Amino acid sequence: MFALKESLKQELENLNEEQLKQVEDFIAFLKFRSRSASWHIDKNHLAALYGEFAEEDRQLAEEGLDDYTELLRQEDCK
């Protein structure tokens, strides 16, 4: 591991500014990918949320667009 780090340090010394920016971007990508791989999606929870919002949407549609707009405005004011 130490030899690899030293080798990489030497390679970095030979890169120009644009290449260093690309390496920086790639490191940021690797960190992001590492974080996103650890996300756990609970399908049951998502299904419950979908059901909850689907029912709310159905009720709002039945009340009419004017009432729906007023409720959205009230939510935005909170």
PDB file of N, CA and C in Angstrom:
ATOM      1  N   MET A   1       0.835  -1.197   0.000  1.00  0.00           N
ATOM      2  CA  MET A   1       0.000   0.000   0.000  1.00  0.00           C
ATOM      3  C   MET A   1       0.874   1.252   0.000  1.00  0.00           C
ATOM      4  N   PHE A   2       1.926   1.219   0.827  1.00  0.00           N
ATOM      5  CA  PHE A   2       2.810   2.378   0.898  1.00  0.00           C
ATOM      6  C   PHE A   2       3.469   2.636  -0.451  1.00  0.00           C
ATOM      7  N   ALA A   3       3.901   1.575  -1.120  1.00  0.00           N
ATOM      8  CA  ALA A   3       4.553   1.721  -2.430  1.00  0.00           C
ATOM      9  C   ALA A   3       3.585   2.311  -3.448  1.00  0.00           C
ATOM     10  N   LEU A   4       2.337   1.908  -3.385  1.00  0.00           N
ATOM     11  CA  LEU A   4       1.326   2.434  -4.300  1.00  0.00           C
ATOM     12  C   LEU A   4       1.124   3.928  -4.075  1.00  0.00           C
ATOM     13  N   LYS A   5       1.039   4.336  -2.820  1.00  0.00           N
ATOM     14  CA  LYS A   5       0.853   5.759  -2.508  1.00  0.00           C
ATOM     15  C   LYS A   5       2.048   6.577  -2.990  1.00  0.00           C
ATOM     16  N   GLU A   6       3.218   6.062  -2.777  1.00  0.00           N
ATOM     17  CA  GLU A   6       4.416   6.774  -3.230  1.00  0.00           C
ATOM     18  C   GLU A   6       4.453   6.877  -4.746  1.00  0.00           C
ATOM     19  N   SER A   7       4.075   5.807  -5.406  1.00  0.00           N
ATOM     20  CA  SER A   7       4.032   5.810  -6.872  1.00  0.00           C
ATOM     21  C   SER A   7       3.035   6.843  -7.384  1.00  0.00           C
ATOM     22  N   LEU A   8       1.873   6.897  -6.748  1.00  0.00           N
ATOM     23  CA  LEU A   8       0.857   7.872  -7.138  1.00  0.00           C
ATOM     24  C   LEU A   8       1.335   9.300  -6.896  1.00  0.00           C
ATOM     25  N   LYS A   9       1.995   9.523  -5.771  1.00  0.00           N
ATOM     26  CA  LYS A   9       2.534  10.856  -5.489  1.00  0.00           C
ATOM     27  C   LYS A   9       3.508  11.285  -6.573  1.00  0.00           C
ATOM     28  N   GLN A  10       4.356  10.383  -6.996  1.00  0.00           N
ATOM     29  CA  GLN A  10       5.321  10.697  -8.056  1.00  0.00           C
ATOM     30  C   GLN A  10       4.610  11.011  -9.365  1.00  0.00           C
ATOM     31  N   GLU A  11       3.585  10.236  -9.672  1.00  0.00           N
ATOM     32  CA  GLU A  11       2.820  10.486 -10.905  1.00  0.00           C
ATOM     33  C   GLU A  11       2.130  11.847 -10.845  1.00  0.00           C
ATOM     34  N   LEU A  12       1.591  12.191  -9.683  1.00  0.00           N
ATOM     35  CA  LEU A  12       0.916  13.481  -9.528  1.00  0.00           C
ATOM     36  C   LEU A  12       1.881  14.650  -9.748  1.00  0.00           C
ATOM     37  N   GLU A  13       3.105  14.485  -9.342  1.00  0.00           N
ATOM     38  CA  GLU A  13       4.095  15.546  -9.517  1.00  0.00           C
ATOM     39  C   GLU A  13       4.322  15.882 -10.987  1.00  0.00           C
ATOM     40  N   ASN A  14       4.079  14.931 -11.870  1.00  0.00           N
ATOM     41  CA  ASN A  14       4.344  15.126 -13.305  1.00  0.00           C
ATOM     42  C   ASN A  14       3.136  15.633 -14.087  1.00  0.00           C
ATOM     43  N   LEU A  15       2.005  15.799 -13.421  1.00  0.00           N
ATOM     44  CA  LEU A  15       0.787  16.213 -14.114  1.00  0.00           C
ATOM     45  C   LEU A  15       0.698  17.738 -14.198  1.00  0.00           C
ATOM     46  N   ASN A  16       0.069  18.205 -15.278  1.00  0.00           N
ATOM     47  CA  ASN A  16      -0.164  19.650 -15.394  1.00  0.00           C
ATOM     48  C   ASN A  16      -1.446  20.008 -14.636  1.00  0.00           C
ATOM     49  N   GLU A  17      -1.758  21.294 -14.610  1.00  0.00           N
ATOM     50  CA  GLU A  17      -2.896  21.786 -13.840  1.00  0.00           C
ATOM     51  C   GLU A  17      -4.222  21.150 -14.281  1.00  0.00           C
ATOM     52  N   GLU A  18      -4.436  21.043 -15.581  1.00  0.00           N
ATOM     53  CA  GLU A  18      -5.679  20.454 -16.103  1.00  0.00           C
ATOM     54  C   GLU A  18      -5.788  18.978 -15.716  1.00  0.00           C
ATOM     55  N   GLN A  19      -4.707  18.256 -15.800  1.00  0.00           N
ATOM     56  CA  GLN A  19      -4.718  16.840 -15.418  1.00  0.00           C
ATOM     57  C   GLN A  19      -4.982  16.680 -13.918  1.00  0.00           C
ATOM     58  N   LEU A  20      -4.400  17.569 -13.117  1.00  0.00           N
ATOM     59  CA  LEU A  20      -4.660  17.516 -11.677  1.00  0.00           C
ATOM     60  C   LEU A  20      -6.132  17.771 -11.373  1.00  0.00           C
ATOM     61  N   LYS A  21      -6.754  18.678 -12.115  1.00  0.00           N
ATOM     62  CA  LYS A  21      -8.187  18.952 -11.946  1.00  0.00           C
ATOM     63  C   LYS A  21      -8.998  17.703 -12.272  1.00  0.00           C
ATOM     64  N   GLN A  22      -8.595  16.993 -13.307  1.00  0.00           N
ATOM     65  CA  GLN A  22      -9.307  15.762 -13.671  1.00  0.00           C
ATOM     66  C   GLN A  22      -9.157  14.701 -12.586  1.00  0.00           C
ATOM     67  N   VAL A  23      -7.979  14.599 -12.010  1.00  0.00           N
ATOM     68  CA  VAL A  23      -7.759  13.651 -10.911  1.00  0.00           C
ATOM     69  C   VAL A  23      -8.625  14.037  -9.716  1.00  0.00           C
ATOM     70  N   GLU A  24      -8.679  15.327  -9.418  1.00  0.00           N
ATOM     71  CA  GLU A  24      -9.515  15.807  -8.322  1.00  0.00           C
ATOM     72  C   GLU A  24     -10.987  15.458  -8.556  1.00  0.00           C
ATOM     73  N   ASP A  25     -11.456  15.661  -9.782  1.00  0.00           N
ATOM     74  CA  ASP A  25     -12.845  15.319 -10.120  1.00  0.00           C
ATOM     75  C   ASP A  25     -13.093  13.827  -9.960  1.00  0.00           C
ATOM     76  N   PHE A  26     -12.125  13.022 -10.377  1.00  0.00           N
ATOM     77  CA  PHE A  26     -12.286  11.574 -10.273  1.00  0.00           C
ATOM     78  C   PHE A  26     -12.325  11.133  -8.811  1.00  0.00           C
ATOM     79  N   ILE A  27     -11.505  11.736  -7.982  1.00  0.00           N
ATOM     80  CA  ILE A  27     -11.527  11.414  -6.553  1.00  0.00           C
ATOM     81  C   ILE A  27     -12.882  11.779  -5.946  1.00  0.00           C
ATOM     82  N   ALA A  28     -13.418  12.935  -6.333  1.00  0.00           N
ATOM     83  CA  ALA A  28     -14.748  13.331  -5.854  1.00  0.00           C
ATOM     84  C   ALA A  28     -15.796  12.318  -6.297  1.00  0.00           C
ATOM     85  N   PHE A  29     -15.690  11.853  -7.544  1.00  0.00           N
ATOM     86  CA  PHE A  29     -16.619  10.836  -8.046  1.00  0.00           C
ATOM     87  C   PHE A  29     -16.518   9.553  -7.232  1.00  0.00           C
ATOM     88  N   LEU A  30     -15.297   9.106  -6.945  1.00  0.00           N
ATOM     89  CA  LEU A  30     -15.119   7.881  -6.166  1.00  0.00           C
ATOM     90  C   LEU A  30     -15.738   8.011  -4.776  1.00  0.00           C
ATOM     91  N   LYS A  31     -15.565   9.173  -4.145  1.00  0.00           N
ATOM     92  CA  LYS A  31     -16.169   9.399  -2.831  1.00  0.00           C
ATOM     93  C   LYS A  31     -17.687   9.378  -2.910  1.00  0.00           C
ATOM     94  N   PHE A  32     -18.240  10.023  -3.945  1.00  0.00           N
ATOM     95  CA  PHE A  32     -19.696  10.032  -4.118  1.00  0.00           C
ATOM     96  C   PHE A  32     -20.220   8.618  -4.328  1.00  0.00           C
ATOM     97  N   ARG A  33     -19.563   7.865  -5.199  1.00  0.00           N
ATOM     98  CA  ARG A  33     -19.996   6.499  -5.495  1.00  0.00           C
ATOM     99  C   ARG A  33     -19.936   5.636  -4.241  1.00  0.00           C
ATOM    100  N   SER A  34     -18.936   5.855  -3.424  1.00  0.00           N
ATOM    101  CA  SER A  34     -18.794   5.099  -2.183  1.00  0.00           C
ATOM    102  C   SER A  34     -19.954   5.395  -1.236  1.00  0.00           C
ATOM    103  N   ARG A  35     -20.328   6.668  -1.136  1.00  0.00           N
ATOM    104  CA  ARG A  35     -21.459   7.042  -0.267  1.00  0.00           C
ATOM    105  C   ARG A  35     -22.772   6.489  -0.807  1.00  0.00           C
ATOM    106  N   SER A  36     -22.990   6.599  -2.112  1.00  0.00           N
ATOM    107  CA  SER A  36     -24.270   6.165  -2.675  1.00  0.00           C
ATOM    108  C   SER A  36     -24.422   4.653  -2.633  1.00  0.00           C
ATOM    109  N   ALA A  37     -23.327   3.924  -2.640  1.00  0.00           N
ATOM    110  CA  ALA A  37     -23.402   2.460  -2.568  1.00  0.00           C
ATOM    111  C   ALA A  37     -23.885   2.001  -1.202  1.00  0.00           C
ATOM    112  N   SER A  38     -23.750   2.846  -0.190  1.00  0.00           N
ATOM    113  CA  SER A  38     -24.152   2.452   1.154  1.00  0.00           C
ATOM    114  C   SER A  38     -25.610   2.792   1.466  1.00  0.00           C
ATOM    115  N   TRP A  39     -26.299   3.431   0.536  1.00  0.00           N
ATOM    116  CA  TRP A  39     -27.703   3.750   0.765  1.00  0.00           C
ATOM    117  C   TRP A  39     -28.519   2.473   0.782  1.00  0.00           C
ATOM    118  N   HIS A  40     -29.466   2.429   1.700  1.00  0.00           N
ATOM    119  CA  HIS A  40     -30.378   1.288   1.766  1.00  0.00           C
ATOM    120  C   HIS A  40     -31.788   1.801   1.499  1.00  0.00           C
ATOM    121  N   ILE A  41     -32.426   1.239   0.508  1.00  0.00           N
ATOM    122  CA  ILE A  41     -33.782   1.653   0.154  1.00  0.00           C
ATOM    123  C   ILE A  41     -34.760   0.630   0.716  1.00  0.00           C
ATOM    124  N   ASP A  42     -35.626   1.096   1.579  1.00  0.00           N
ATOM    125  CA  ASP A  42     -36.650   0.240   2.173  1.00  0.00           C
ATOM    126  C   ASP A  42     -37.880   0.284   1.261  1.00  0.00           C
ATOM    127  N   LYS A  43     -38.078  -0.761   0.494  1.00  0.00           N
ATOM    128  CA  LYS A  43     -39.174  -0.790  -0.478  1.00  0.00           C
ATOM    129  C   LYS A  43     -40.539  -0.722   0.197  1.00  0.00           C
ATOM    130  N   ASN A  44     -40.657  -1.289   1.372  1.00  0.00           N
ATOM    131  CA  ASN A  44     -41.940  -1.231   2.089  1.00  0.00           C
ATOM    132  C   ASN A  44     -42.260   0.199   2.504  1.00  0.00           C
ATOM    133  N   HIS A  45     -41.235   0.918   2.945  1.00  0.00           N
ATOM    134  CA  HIS A  45     -41.440   2.323   3.336  1.00  0.00           C
ATOM    135  C   HIS A  45     -41.815   3.161   2.112  1.00  0.00           C
ATOM    136  N   LEU A  46     -41.143   2.929   0.989  1.00  0.00           N
ATOM    137  CA  LEU A  46     -41.475   3.659  -0.234  1.00  0.00           C
ATOM    138  C   LEU A  46     -42.902   3.364  -0.684  1.00  0.00           C
ATOM    139  N   ALA A  47     -43.313   2.106  -0.572  1.00  0.00           N
ATOM    140  CA  ALA A  47     -44.677   1.740  -0.958  1.00  0.00           C
ATOM    141  C   ALA A  47     -45.694   2.440  -0.066  1.00  0.00           C
ATOM    142  N   ALA A  48     -45.395   2.538   1.223  1.00  0.00           N
ATOM    143  CA  ALA A  48     -46.305   3.222   2.148  1.00  0.00           C
ATOM    144  C   ALA A  48     -46.402   4.704   1.815  1.00  0.00           C
ATOM    145  N   LEU A  49     -45.255   5.332   1.520  1.00  0.00           N
ATOM    146  CA  LEU A  49     -45.277   6.748   1.134  1.00  0.00           C
ATOM    147  C   LEU A  49     -46.059   6.960  -0.153  1.00  0.00           C
ATOM    148  N   TYR A  50     -45.855   6.081  -1.111  1.00  0.00           N
ATOM    149  CA  TYR A  50     -46.584   6.178  -2.378  1.00  0.00           C
ATOM    150  C   TYR A  50     -48.089   6.103  -2.121  1.00  0.00           C
ATOM    151  N   GLY A  51     -48.481   5.141  -1.303  1.00  0.00           N
ATOM    152  CA  GLY A  51     -49.902   4.993  -1.001  1.00  0.00           C
ATOM    153  C   GLY A  51     -50.462   6.212  -0.293  1.00  0.00           C
ATOM    154  N   GLU A  52     -49.692   6.760   0.621  1.00  0.00           N
ATOM    155  CA  GLU A  52     -50.128   7.942   1.366  1.00  0.00           C
ATOM    156  C   GLU A  52     -50.325   9.132   0.422  1.00  0.00           C
ATOM    157  N   PHE A  53     -49.379   9.381  -0.428  1.00  0.00           N
ATOM    158  CA  PHE A  53     -49.478  10.531  -1.329  1.00  0.00           C
ATOM    159  C   PHE A  53     -50.486  10.299  -2.448  1.00  0.00           C
ATOM    160  N   ALA A  54     -50.642   9.056  -2.877  1.00  0.00           N
ATOM    161  CA  ALA A  54     -51.634   8.766  -3.903  1.00  0.00           C
ATOM    162  C   ALA A  54     -53.029   9.071  -3.385  1.00  0.00           C
ATOM    163  N   GLU A  55     -53.295   8.700  -2.152  1.00  0.00           N
ATOM    164  CA  GLU A  55     -54.602   8.979  -1.552  1.00  0.00           C
ATOM    165  C   GLU A  55     -54.812  10.479  -1.401  1.00  0.00           C
ATOM    166  N   GLU A  56     -53.781  11.178  -0.932  1.00  0.00           N
ATOM    167  CA  GLU A  56     -53.880  12.627  -0.790  1.00  0.00           C
ATOM    168  C   GLU A  56     -54.130  13.293  -2.145  1.00  0.00           C
ATOM    169  N   ASP A  57     -53.414  12.866  -3.164  1.00  0.00           N
ATOM    170  CA  ASP A  57     -53.607  13.421  -4.509  1.00  0.00           C
ATOM    171  C   ASP A  57     -55.021  13.173  -5.021  1.00  0.00           C
ATOM    172  N   ARG A  58     -55.542  11.973  -4.765  1.00  0.00           N
ATOM    173  CA  ARG A  58     -56.897  11.652  -5.209  1.00  0.00           C
ATOM    174  C   ARG A  58     -57.908  12.571  -4.532  1.00  0.00           C
ATOM    175  N   GLN A  59     -57.740  12.768  -3.229  1.00  0.00           N
ATOM    176  CA  GLN A  59     -58.657  13.628  -2.486  1.00  0.00           C
ATOM    177  C   GLN A  59     -58.573  15.071  -2.979  1.00  0.00           C
ATOM    178  N   LEU A  60     -57.376  15.547  -3.208  1.00  0.00           N
ATOM    179  CA  LEU A  60     -57.225  16.916  -3.690  1.00  0.00           C
ATOM    180  C   LEU A  60     -57.848  17.097  -5.069  1.00  0.00           C
ATOM    181  N   ALA A  61     -57.711  16.112  -5.921  1.00  0.00           N
ATOM    182  CA  ALA A  61     -58.314  16.196  -7.255  1.00  0.00           C
ATOM    183  C   ALA A  61     -59.834  16.250  -7.158  1.00  0.00           C
ATOM    184  N   GLU A  62     -60.379  15.504  -6.213  1.00  0.00           N
ATOM    185  CA  GLU A  62     -61.824  15.509  -6.034  1.00  0.00           C
ATOM    186  C   GLU A  62     -62.322  16.852  -5.491  1.00  0.00           C
ATOM    187  N   GLU A  63     -61.526  17.520  -4.692  1.00  0.00           N
ATOM    188  CA  GLU A  63     -61.939  18.810  -4.135  1.00  0.00           C
ATOM    189  C   GLU A  63     -61.897  19.924  -5.173  1.00  0.00           C
ATOM    190  N   GLY A  64     -61.167  19.713  -6.223  1.00  0.00           N
ATOM    191  CA  GLY A  64     -61.098  20.717  -7.277  1.00  0.00           C
ATOM    192  C   GLY A  64     -59.779  21.455  -7.278  1.00  0.00           C
ATOM    193  N   LEU A  65     -59.431  21.983  -8.418  1.00  0.00           N
ATOM    194  CA  LEU A  65     -58.157  22.652  -8.585  1.00  0.00           C
ATOM    195  C   LEU A  65     -58.032  23.927  -7.760  1.00  0.00           C
ATOM    196  N   ASP A  66     -59.107  24.662  -7.588  1.00  0.00           N
ATOM    197  CA  ASP A  66     -59.034  25.892  -6.798  1.00  0.00           C
ATOM    198  C   ASP A  66     -58.683  25.580  -5.347  1.00  0.00           C
ATOM    199  N   ASP A  67     -59.346  24.579  -4.792  1.00  0.00           N
ATOM    200  CA  ASP A  67     -59.047  24.180  -3.417  1.00  0.00           C
ATOM    201  C   ASP A  67     -57.613  23.649  -3.312  1.00  0.00           C
ATOM    202  N   TYR A  68     -57.207  22.893  -4.299  1.00  0.00           N
ATOM    203  CA  TYR A  68     -55.858  22.329  -4.332  1.00  0.00           C
ATOM    204  C   TYR A  68     -54.815  23.452  -4.358  1.00  0.00           C
ATOM    205  N   THR A  69     -55.043  24.467  -5.185  1.00  0.00           N
ATOM    206  CA  THR A  69     -54.128  25.602  -5.263  1.00  0.00           C
ATOM    207  C   THR A  69     -54.056  26.332  -3.933  1.00  0.00           C
ATOM    208  N   GLU A  70     -55.181  26.508  -3.282  1.00  0.00           N
ATOM    209  CA  GLU A  70     -55.214  27.174  -1.986  1.00  0.00           C
ATOM    210  C   GLU A  70     -54.452  26.369  -0.941  1.00  0.00           C
ATOM    211  N   LEU A  71     -54.605  25.059  -0.947  1.00  0.00           N
ATOM    212  CA  LEU A  71     -53.877  24.212  -0.002  1.00  0.00           C
ATOM    213  C   LEU A  71     -52.364  24.268  -0.255  1.00  0.00           C
ATOM    214  N   LEU A  72     -51.965  24.293  -1.506  1.00  0.00           N
ATOM    215  CA  LEU A  72     -50.535  24.410  -1.828  1.00  0.00           C
ATOM    216  C   LEU A  72     -49.984  25.746  -1.332  1.00  0.00           C
ATOM    217  N   ARG A  73     -50.757  26.804  -1.529  1.00  0.00           N
ATOM    218  CA  ARG A  73     -50.334  28.112  -1.062  1.00  0.00           C
ATOM    219  C   ARG A  73     -50.165  28.107   0.458  1.00  0.00           C
ATOM    220  N   GLN A  74     -51.102  27.497   1.144  1.00  0.00           N
ATOM    221  CA  GLN A  74     -51.021  27.413   2.605  1.00  0.00           C
ATOM    222  C   GLN A  74     -49.809  26.618   3.049  1.00  0.00           C
ATOM    223  N   GLU A  75     -49.511  25.540   2.335  1.00  0.00           N
ATOM    224  CA  GLU A  75     -48.325  24.724   2.667  1.00  0.00           C
ATOM    225  C   GLU A  75     -47.051  25.540   2.466  1.00  0.00           C
ATOM    226  N   ASP A  76     -47.007  26.344   1.406  1.00  0.00           N
ATOM    227  CA  ASP A  76     -45.819  27.155   1.137  1.00  0.00           C
ATOM    228  C   ASP A  76     -45.621  28.209   2.212  1.00  0.00           C
ATOM    229  N   CYS A  77     -46.681  28.654   2.841  1.00  0.00           N
ATOM    230  CA  CYS A  77     -46.586  29.688   3.867  1.00  0.00           C
ATOM    231  C   CYS A  77     -46.103  29.138   5.209  1.00  0.00           C
ATOM    232  N   LYS A  78     -46.142  27.851   5.370  1.00  0.00           N
ATOM    233  CA  LYS A  78     -45.741  27.243   6.661  1.00  0.00           C
ATOM    234  C   LYS A  78     -44.244  27.335   6.862  1.00  0.00           C
TER     235      LYS A  78
END
